[in-house]
C-alpha atoms as a PDB file:
ATOM      1  CA  UNK A   1      13.292  10.113   2.505  1.00  0.00           C
ATOM      2  CA  UNK A   2      15.098  11.972  -0.314  1.00  0.00           C
ATOM      3  CA  UNK A   3      14.888  15.772  -0.307  1.00  0.00           C
ATOM      4  CA  UNK A   4      12.294  17.657  -2.334  1.00  0.00           C
ATOM      5  CA  UNK A   5       9.686  14.895  -2.517  1.00  0.00           C
ATOM      6  CA  UNK A   6       6.468  16.341  -3.926  1.00  0.00           C
ATOM      7  CA  UNK A   7       3.519  14.072  -3.158  1.00  0.00           C
ATOM      8  CA  UNK A   8       0.832  16.646  -3.995  1.00  0.00           C
ATOM      9  CA  UNK A   9      -2.106  15.446  -6.059  1.00  0.00           C
ATOM     10  CA  UNK A  10      -1.026  17.865  -8.825  1.00  0.00           C
ATOM     11  CA  UNK A  11       2.296  16.010  -9.133  1.00  0.00           C
ATOM     12  CA  UNK A  12       0.732  12.552  -9.486  1.00  0.00           C
ATOM     13  CA  UNK A  13       1.443  11.717 -13.112  1.00  0.00           C
ATOM     14  CA  UNK A  14       1.367   7.923 -12.724  1.00  0.00           C
ATOM     15  CA  UNK A  15      -2.050   6.291 -12.390  1.00  0.00           C
ATOM     16  CA  UNK A  16      -0.775   2.986 -10.997  1.00  0.00           C
ATOM     17  CA  UNK A  17       2.443   2.088  -9.198  1.00  0.00           C
ATOM     18  CA  UNK A  18       3.383  -1.393  -8.067  1.00  0.00           C
ATOM     19  CA  UNK A  19       6.965  -2.379  -7.295  1.00  0.00           C
ATOM     20  CA  UNK A  20       7.202  -5.629  -5.351  1.00  0.00           C
ATOM     21  CA  UNK A  21       9.957  -8.174  -4.891  1.00  0.00           C
ATOM     22  CA  UNK A  22       8.925 -11.740  -5.697  1.00  0.00           C
ATOM     23  CA  UNK A  23       8.648 -12.864  -2.065  1.00  0.00           C
ATOM     24  CA  UNK A  24       5.133 -14.379  -1.992  1.00  0.00           C
ATOM     25  CA  UNK A  25       2.893 -16.015  -4.584  1.00  0.00           C
ATOM     26  CA  UNK A  26       0.110 -13.481  -3.945  1.00  0.00           C
ATOM     27  CA  UNK A  27       2.392 -10.721  -5.215  1.00  0.00           C
ATOM     28  CA  UNK A  28       2.600 -12.292  -8.666  1.00  0.00           C
ATOM     29  CA  UNK A  29      -1.194 -12.445  -8.815  1.00  0.00           C
ATOM     30  CA  UNK A  30      -1.456  -8.802  -7.770  1.00  0.00           C
ATOM     31  CA  UNK A  31       1.080  -7.772 -10.430  1.00  0.00           C
ATOM     32  CA  UNK A  32      -0.900  -9.642 -13.099  1.00  0.00           C
ATOM     33  CA  UNK A  33      -4.094  -7.819 -12.074  1.00  0.00           C
ATOM     34  CA  UNK A  34      -2.364  -4.423 -12.278  1.00  0.00           C
ATOM     35  CA  UNK A  35      -0.911  -5.305 -15.692  1.00  0.00           C
ATOM     36  CA  UNK A  36      -4.337  -6.281 -17.001  1.00  0.00           C
ATOM     37  CA  UNK A  37      -6.031  -3.110 -15.797  1.00  0.00           C
ATOM     38  CA  UNK A  38      -3.233  -0.892 -17.131  1.00  0.00           C
ATOM     39  CA  UNK A  39      -3.819  -2.362 -20.589  1.00  0.00           C
ATOM     40  CA  UNK A  40      -7.583  -2.870 -20.610  1.00  0.00           C
ATOM     41  CA  UNK A  41      -9.059   0.039 -18.655  1.00  0.00           C
ATOM     42  CA  UNK A  42     -10.260   3.080 -20.616  1.00  0.00           C
ATOM     43  CA  UNK A  43      -9.117   5.271 -17.713  1.00  0.00           C
ATOM     44  CA  UNK A  44      -5.365   4.600 -17.980  1.00  0.00           C
ATOM     45  CA  UNK A  45      -2.649   3.216 -20.258  1.00  0.00           C
ATOM     46  CA  UNK A  46       0.637   1.316 -19.839  1.00  0.00           C
ATOM     47  CA  UNK A  47       2.553   4.589 -20.284  1.00  0.00           C
ATOM     48  CA  UNK A  48       0.894   5.984 -17.144  1.00  0.00           C
ATOM     49  CA  UNK A  49       1.684   2.944 -14.993  1.00  0.00           C
ATOM     50  CA  UNK A  50       4.887   1.615 -13.426  1.00  0.00           C
ATOM     51  CA  UNK A  51       4.770  -2.079 -12.555  1.00  0.00           C
ATOM     52  CA  UNK A  52       7.938  -3.866 -11.482  1.00  0.00           C
ATOM     53  CA  UNK A  53       9.127  -7.128  -9.956  1.00  0.00           C
ATOM     54  CA  UNK A  54      12.103  -9.456 -10.058  1.00  0.00           C
ATOM     55  CA  UNK A  55      13.202 -13.070  -9.928  1.00  0.00           C
ATOM     56  CA  UNK A  56      11.061 -15.870 -11.292  1.00  0.00           C
ATOM     57  CA  UNK A  57       7.668 -14.266 -10.654  1.00  0.00           C
ATOM     58  CA  UNK A  58       4.789 -16.049 -12.360  1.00  0.00           C
ATOM     59  CA  UNK A  59       3.810 -12.629 -13.728  1.00  0.00           C
ATOM     60  CA  UNK A  60       6.565 -12.981 -16.339  1.00  0.00           C
ATOM     61  CA  UNK A  61       4.407 -15.635 -18.009  1.00  0.00           C
ATOM     62  CA  UNK A  62       1.348 -13.360 -18.183  1.00  0.00           C
ATOM     63  CA  UNK A  63      -0.118 -11.783 -21.316  1.00  0.00           C
ATOM     64  CA  UNK A  64       1.339  -8.335 -20.631  1.00  0.00           C
ATOM     65  CA  UNK A  65       4.701  -9.433 -19.202  1.00  0.00           C
ATOM     66  CA  UNK A  66       6.668  -7.208 -21.607  1.00  0.00           C
ATOM     67  CA  UNK A  67       5.437  -4.214 -19.586  1.00  0.00           C
ATOM     68  CA  UNK A  68       7.137  -5.405 -16.364  1.00  0.00           C
ATOM     69  CA  UNK A  69       9.976  -3.086 -15.343  1.00  0.00           C
ATOM     70  CA  UNK A  70      13.075  -3.663 -13.234  1.00  0.00           C
ATOM     71  CA  UNK A  71      13.001  -2.824  -9.542  1.00  0.00           C
ATOM     72  CA  UNK A  72      14.314   0.699  -9.011  1.00  0.00           C
ATOM     73  CA  UNK A  73      17.098   2.044  -6.784  1.00  0.00           C
ATOM     74  CA  UNK A  74      15.551   3.109  -3.480  1.00  0.00           C
ATOM     75  CA  UNK A  75      15.519   6.889  -4.016  1.00  0.00           C
ATOM     76  CA  UNK A  76      13.934   6.627  -7.468  1.00  0.00           C
ATOM     77  CA  UNK A  77      11.464   4.045  -6.150  1.00  0.00           C
ATOM     78  CA  UNK A  78      10.372   6.544  -3.483  1.00  0.00           C
ATOM     79  CA  UNK A  79      10.079   9.382  -6.007  1.00  0.00           C
ATOM     80  CA  UNK A  80       7.936   7.333  -8.397  1.00  0.00           C
ATOM     81  CA  UNK A  81       5.756   6.219  -5.520  1.00  0.00           C
ATOM     82  CA  UNK A  82       5.153   9.825  -4.475  1.00  0.00           C
ATOM     83  CA  UNK A  83       4.130  10.636  -8.077  1.00  0.00           C
ATOM     84  CA  UNK A  84       1.511   7.869  -8.171  1.00  0.00           C
ATOM     85  CA  UNK A  85      -2.238   8.004  -7.659  1.00  0.00           C
ATOM     86  CA  UNK A  86      -2.874   4.366  -6.713  1.00  0.00           C
ATOM     87  CA  UNK A  87      -0.725   1.563  -5.292  1.00  0.00           C
ATOM     88  CA  UNK A  88      -1.121  -1.661  -3.366  1.00  0.00           C
ATOM     89  CA  UNK A  89       0.481  -3.499  -0.487  1.00  0.00           C
ATOM     90  CA  UNK A  90       0.372  -7.231   0.134  1.00  0.00           C
ATOM     91  CA  UNK A  91       2.488  -9.541   2.264  1.00  0.00           C
ATOM     92  CA  UNK A  92       5.946 -10.718   1.250  1.00  0.00           C
ATOM     93  CA  UNK A  93       8.242 -12.962   3.328  1.00  0.00           C
ATOM     94  CA  UNK A  94       6.517 -11.676   6.453  1.00  0.00           C
ATOM     95  CA  UNK A  95       2.936 -10.732   7.285  1.00  0.00           C
ATOM     96  CA  UNK A  96       3.529  -6.994   7.145  1.00  0.00           C
ATOM     97  CA  UNK A  97       5.341  -4.848   4.617  1.00  0.00           C
ATOM     98  CA  UNK A  98       7.050  -1.437   4.797  1.00  0.00           C
ATOM     99  CA  UNK A  99       5.456  -0.670   1.443  1.00  0.00           C
ATOM    100  CA  UNK A 100       2.186  -0.154   3.363  1.00  0.00           C
ATOM    101  CA  UNK A 101       3.547   2.827   5.270  1.00  0.00           C
ATOM    102  CA  UNK A 102       5.470   4.230   2.293  1.00  0.00           C
ATOM    103  CA  UNK A 103       2.339   4.279   0.133  1.00  0.00           C
ATOM    104  CA  UNK A 104       0.162   5.889   2.769  1.00  0.00           C
ATOM    105  CA  UNK A 105       2.749   8.488   3.771  1.00  0.00           C
ATOM    106  CA  UNK A 106       2.923   9.811   0.190  1.00  0.00           C
ATOM    107  CA  UNK A 107      -0.805  10.390  -0.178  1.00  0.00           C
ATOM    108  CA  UNK A 108      -1.228   7.483  -2.590  1.00  0.00           C
ATOM    109  CA  UNK A 109      -4.590   5.694  -2.494  1.00  0.00           C
ATOM    110  CA  UNK A 110      -3.785   2.241  -1.163  1.00  0.00           C
ATOM    111  CA  UNK A 111      -5.222  -1.178  -1.875  1.00  0.00           C
ATOM    112  CA  UNK A 112      -4.307  -3.147   1.240  1.00  0.00           C
ATOM    113  CA  UNK A 113      -4.431  -6.834   2.102  1.00  0.00           C
ATOM    114  CA  UNK A 114      -4.969  -6.882   5.888  1.00  0.00           C
ATOM    115  CA  UNK A 115      -2.787  -9.055   8.118  1.00  0.00           C
ATOM    116  CA  UNK A 116      -3.708 -11.341  11.002  1.00  0.00           C
ATOM    117  CA  UNK A 117      -1.183 -10.202  13.608  1.00  0.00           C
ATOM    118  CA  UNK A 118      -1.690  -7.444  16.168  1.00  0.00           C
ATOM    119  CA  UNK A 119      -1.168  -3.938  14.823  1.00  0.00           C
ATOM    120  CA  UNK A 120      -1.793  -0.763  16.804  1.00  0.00           C
ATOM    121  CA  UNK A 121      -4.188   1.591  15.031  1.00  0.00           C
ATOM    122  CA  UNK A 122      -4.634  -0.534  11.883  1.00  0.00           C
ATOM    123  CA  UNK A 123      -5.620   0.910   8.529  1.00  0.00           C
ATOM    124  CA  UNK A 124      -9.404   0.948   8.114  1.00  0.00           C
ATOM    125  CA  UNK A 125     -11.300  -0.293   5.090  1.00  0.00           C
ATOM    126  CA  UNK A 126     -13.041   2.417   3.032  1.00  0.00           C
ATOM    127  CA  UNK A 127     -11.598   5.129   5.296  1.00  0.00           C
ATOM    128  CA  UNK A 128      -7.847   5.285   4.766  1.00  0.00           C
ATOM    129  CA  UNK A 129      -7.413   2.352   2.368  1.00  0.00           C
ATOM    130  CA  UNK A 130      -9.461  -0.253   0.509  1.00  0.00           C
ATOM    131  CA  UNK A 131      -9.084  -3.876   1.562  1.00  0.00           C
ATOM    132  CA  UNK A 132      -8.257  -6.530  -0.996  1.00  0.00           C
ATOM    133  CA  UNK A 133      -8.105 -10.266  -0.408  1.00  0.00           C
ATOM    134  CA  UNK A 134      -4.989 -12.404  -0.779  1.00  0.00           C
ATOM    135  CA  UNK A 135      -6.451 -14.016  -3.904  1.00  0.00           C
ATOM    136  CA  UNK A 136      -6.723 -10.487  -5.380  1.00  0.00           C
ATOM    137  CA  UNK A 137     -10.136 -11.334  -6.831  1.00  0.00           C
ATOM    138  CA  UNK A 138     -11.538  -7.896  -5.983  1.00  0.00           C
ATOM    139  CA  UNK A 139      -8.550  -5.932  -7.315  1.00  0.00           C
ATOM    140  CA  UNK A 140      -9.916  -5.203 -10.837  1.00  0.00           C
ATOM    141  CA  UNK A 141     -13.175  -3.805  -9.462  1.00  0.00           C
ATOM    142  CA  UNK A 142     -11.409  -1.654  -6.850  1.00  0.00           C
ATOM    143  CA  UNK A 143      -8.936  -0.273  -9.404  1.00  0.00           C
ATOM    144  CA  UNK A 144     -11.711   0.647 -11.840  1.00  0.00           C
ATOM    145  CA  UNK A 145     -13.629   2.442  -9.099  1.00  0.00           C
ATOM    146  CA  UNK A 146     -10.593   4.459  -8.004  1.00  0.00           C
ATOM    147  CA  UNK A 147      -9.569   5.265 -11.584  1.00  0.00           C
ATOM    148  CA  UNK A 148     -13.081   6.545 -12.320  1.00  0.00           C
ATOM    149  CA  UNK A 149     -13.790   8.380  -9.068  1.00  0.00           C
ATOM    150  CA  UNK A 150     -11.121  10.998  -8.385  1.00  0.00           C
ATOM    151  CA  UNK A 151     -12.914  12.459  -5.379  1.00  0.00           C
ATOM    152  CA  UNK A 152     -13.077   9.088  -3.613  1.00  0.00           C
ATOM    153  CA  UNK A 153      -9.469   8.263  -4.513  1.00  0.00           C
ATOM    154  CA  UNK A 154      -8.162  11.571  -3.172  1.00  0.00           C
ATOM    155  CA  UNK A 155     -10.286  11.291  -0.020  1.00  0.00           C
ATOM    156  CA  UNK A 156      -8.833   7.839   0.765  1.00  0.00           C
ATOM    157  CA  UNK A 157      -5.292   8.963  -0.104  1.00  0.00           C
ATOM    158  CA  UNK A 158      -5.455  12.009   2.176  1.00  0.00           C
ATOM    159  CA  UNK A 159      -7.007  10.001   5.032  1.00  0.00           C
ATOM    160  CA  UNK A 160      -4.327   7.329   4.635  1.00  0.00           C
ATOM    161  CA  UNK A 161      -1.548   9.911   4.852  1.00  0.00           C
ATOM    162  CA  UNK A 162      -3.086  11.537   7.937  1.00  0.00           C
ATOM    163  CA  UNK A 163      -3.546   8.134   9.626  1.00  0.00           C
ATOM    164  CA  UNK A 164       0.024   7.087   8.837  1.00  0.00           C
ATOM    165  CA  UNK A 165       1.576  10.354  10.019  1.00  0.00           C
ATOM    166  CA  UNK A 166      -0.460  10.277  13.256  1.00  0.00           C
ATOM    167  CA  UNK A 167      -0.076   6.643  14.292  1.00  0.00           C
ATOM    168  CA  UNK A 168       2.781   5.022  12.355  1.00  0.00           C
ATOM    169  CA  UNK A 169       5.786   7.297  12.672  1.00  0.00           C
ATOM    170  CA  UNK A 170       8.804   6.136  14.671  1.00  0.00           C
ATOM    171  CA  UNK A 171       7.735   8.451  17.491  1.00  0.00           C
ATOM    172  CA  UNK A 172       4.133   7.203  17.552  1.00  0.00           C
ATOM    173  CA  UNK A 173       5.166   3.531  17.520  1.00  0.00           C
ATOM    174  CA  UNK A 174       7.777   4.089  20.266  1.00  0.00           C
ATOM    175  CA  UNK A 175       5.206   5.911  22.396  1.00  0.00           C
ATOM    176  CA  UNK A 176       2.755   3.031  21.946  1.00  0.00           C
ATOM    177  CA  UNK A 177       5.420   0.487  22.927  1.00  0.00           C
ATOM    178  CA  UNK A 178       6.411   2.396  26.068  1.00  0.00           C
ATOM    179  CA  UNK A 179       2.836   3.161  27.125  1.00  0.00           C
ATOM    180  CA  UNK A 180       1.570  -0.378  26.615  1.00  0.00           C
ATOM    181  CA  UNK A 181       4.658  -1.882  28.328  1.00  0.00           C
ATOM    182  CA  UNK A 182       4.111   0.311  31.388  1.00  0.00           C
ATOM    183  CA  UNK A 183       0.477  -0.776  31.551  1.00  0.00           C
ATOM    184  CA  UNK A 184       1.392  -4.464  31.164  1.00  0.00           C
ATOM    185  CA  UNK A 185       4.004  -4.235  33.932  1.00  0.00           C
ATOM    186  CA  UNK A 186       1.345  -2.643  36.140  1.00  0.00           C
ATOM    187  CA  UNK A 187      -0.767  -5.783  35.670  1.00  0.00           C
ATOM    188  CA  UNK A 188      -3.324  -4.488  33.182  1.00  0.00           C
ATOM    189  CA  UNK A 189      -4.965  -7.070  30.912  1.00  0.00           C
ATOM    190  CA  UNK A 190      -3.589  -7.159  27.368  1.00  0.00           C
ATOM    191  CA  UNK A 191      -7.038  -7.281  25.747  1.00  0.00           C
ATOM    192  CA  UNK A 192      -8.005  -4.104  27.565  1.00  0.00           C
ATOM    193  CA  UNK A 193      -4.848  -2.403  26.317  1.00  0.00           C
ATOM    194  CA  UNK A 194      -5.508  -3.689  22.788  1.00  0.00           C
ATOM    195  CA  UNK A 195      -9.000  -2.177  22.784  1.00  0.00           C
ATOM    196  CA  UNK A 196      -7.537   1.168  23.848  1.00  0.00           C
ATOM    197  CA  UNK A 197      -5.183   1.146  20.854  1.00  0.00           C
ATOM    198  CA  UNK A 198      -7.833  -0.076  18.372  1.00  0.00           C
ATOM    199  CA  UNK A 199      -5.874  -3.297  17.841  1.00  0.00           C
ATOM    200  CA  UNK A 200      -7.593  -6.250  16.187  1.00  0.00           C
END
């Protein structure tokens, strides 16, 4: 990451941050929900939100499309993310998304659409993130709760960062891969290994 990233809660001047390439229809729906809340909630305003996408996203036809920003260069994207209180991650071309780990690592409270494939030490609903569905029907309610309840938002953000830094660094993932491979080669059952690593 760029030098001098300050992800402290005191530095979080953006209420909402969402910057997603147009790589899945669900992303356009999520962007529309964030746009609506940024304009309609009494707890924030468009000036305190950064919402961006590209291409021919359906969000460009939404009521608040004039608020949509351009996708940022990577370093600025990371800086804005670190300055944000709340973000969200949902699938793109693939089931998983690096945005998940970027959000969590910068102590940003994360709305997360869980995936179906195996993931070691997955993020846990209401502990280190809040689950949303792919239809994004629960997004407005979740955003209002987090915008109104600072203590809950900060608790989830801090737990998400701790979980990410413990289980989803390059070192932690490599260790998992080596350990589980050794156990598989020794003839251990995969389901037993999966239970050990809290995989579901």
